[in-house]
Amino acid sequence: MAFWKPTKQSSTPNPKYTSSNAVDDIASVIWRQGSCTYTAAAVGSWWQVDLQGMYEIQELLITTPREGMSHAYHLFDTTTSNERLRV
């Protein structure tokens, strides 16, 4: 549902790891292959996707890297909204 939809994130410390990597349909968990995304390590960092429609979300799959940054993905919240993403 989210593949190739518009995305944003609070920061992009490295241009190789943009927000769109999270919805690129590449399920690699190898950090150095470049299909991951990350934000600066700061309180309140966020990532979002515009699904471009209303959906009943029954499951959310978050994949974390097996090496490199895997320690950074242990605390997160999810929020839904019916507002459009402003890119």
Protein backbone atom coordinates (compact mmCIF):
# COMPACT_ATOMS: atom_id res chain seq x y z
CA MET A 1 0.00 0.00 0.00
CA ALA A 2 2.82 2.45 0.79
CA PHE A 3 5.25 1.50 -1.99
CA TRP A 4 6.39 4.53 -3.98
CA LYS A 5 4.08 6.97 -2.13
CA PRO A 6 5.31 10.46 -1.09
CA THR A 7 7.40 10.55 2.10
CA LYS A 8 9.05 13.09 4.39
CA GLN A 9 11.26 12.96 7.45
CA SER A 10 12.46 15.44 10.04
CA SER A 11 16.08 15.41 8.81
CA THR A 12 18.35 13.58 6.37
CA PRO A 13 21.92 13.50 7.74
CA ASN A 14 23.17 11.56 4.72
CA PRO A 15 21.62 12.08 1.25
CA LYS A 16 22.02 8.35 0.54
CA TYR A 17 19.39 7.52 3.17
CA THR A 18 16.36 9.59 2.09
CA SER A 19 12.83 9.11 3.39
CA SER A 20 11.72 7.49 0.13
CA ASN A 21 14.04 4.52 0.75
CA ALA A 22 11.49 3.22 3.25
CA VAL A 23 8.89 2.70 0.51
CA ASP A 24 11.13 1.67 -2.41
CA ASP A 25 9.94 -1.98 -2.41
CA ILE A 26 13.47 -3.20 -1.60
CA ALA A 27 13.35 -5.26 1.57
CA SER A 28 17.09 -5.40 2.18
CA VAL A 29 18.11 -5.24 5.83
CA ILE A 30 21.78 -4.70 4.97
CA TRP A 31 22.48 -1.09 5.97
CA ARG A 32 25.34 -0.43 3.54
CA GLN A 33 23.20 -1.45 0.53
CA GLY A 34 21.47 1.92 0.85
CA SER A 35 17.81 0.94 1.00
CA CYS A 36 17.36 2.21 4.55
CA THR A 37 16.41 5.62 5.82
CA TYR A 38 17.30 7.43 9.01
CA THR A 39 16.97 10.80 10.68
CA ALA A 40 19.35 12.65 12.98
CA ALA A 41 19.41 11.26 16.50
CA ALA A 42 17.23 13.92 18.10
CA VAL A 43 14.18 14.02 20.35
CA GLY A 44 11.08 14.35 18.20
CA SER A 45 12.54 12.94 14.98
CA TRP A 46 9.86 11.65 12.61
CA TRP A 47 9.18 9.95 9.27
CA GLN A 48 5.87 9.95 7.41
CA VAL A 49 4.19 8.62 4.28
CA ASP A 50 1.12 9.89 2.42
CA LEU A 51 -0.93 6.85 1.39
CA GLN A 52 -2.94 9.13 -0.92
CA GLY A 53 -6.22 7.69 0.25
CA MET A 54 -8.18 6.49 3.26
CA TYR A 55 -7.39 2.94 4.40
CA GLU A 56 -8.14 0.74 7.36
CA ILE A 57 -4.68 -0.11 8.67
CA GLN A 58 -4.63 -3.58 10.19
CA GLU A 59 -0.89 -4.22 10.27
CA LEU A 60 2.27 -2.13 10.13
CA LEU A 61 5.58 -3.76 9.26
CA ILE A 62 8.78 -1.98 10.29
CA THR A 63 12.02 -3.61 9.20
CA THR A 64 15.25 -2.69 10.95
CA PRO A 65 18.80 -3.15 9.66
CA ARG A 66 20.69 -6.22 10.82
CA GLU A 67 23.90 -4.29 11.22
CA GLY A 68 25.03 -0.70 11.57
CA MET A 69 22.05 1.26 12.91
CA SER A 70 19.88 -1.53 14.35
CA HIS A 71 20.29 -0.13 17.89
CA ALA A 72 18.44 3.06 16.93
CA TYR A 73 15.06 1.46 16.23
CA HIS A 74 13.84 0.31 19.60
CA LEU A 75 11.38 3.08 20.58
CA PHE A 76 8.78 4.58 18.28
CA ASP A 77 5.15 5.65 18.11
CA THR A 78 2.75 5.42 15.20
CA THR A 79 0.08 7.99 14.39
CA THR A 80 -2.52 8.14 11.64
CA SER A 81 -4.18 11.18 10.13
CA ASN A 82 -6.46 12.06 7.25
CA GLU A 83 -4.42 15.16 6.36
CA ARG A 84 -2.47 15.27 3.09
CA LEU A 85 1.32 15.30 3.20
CA ARG A 86 2.85 18.62 2.19
CA VAL A 87 6.05 17.84 0.30
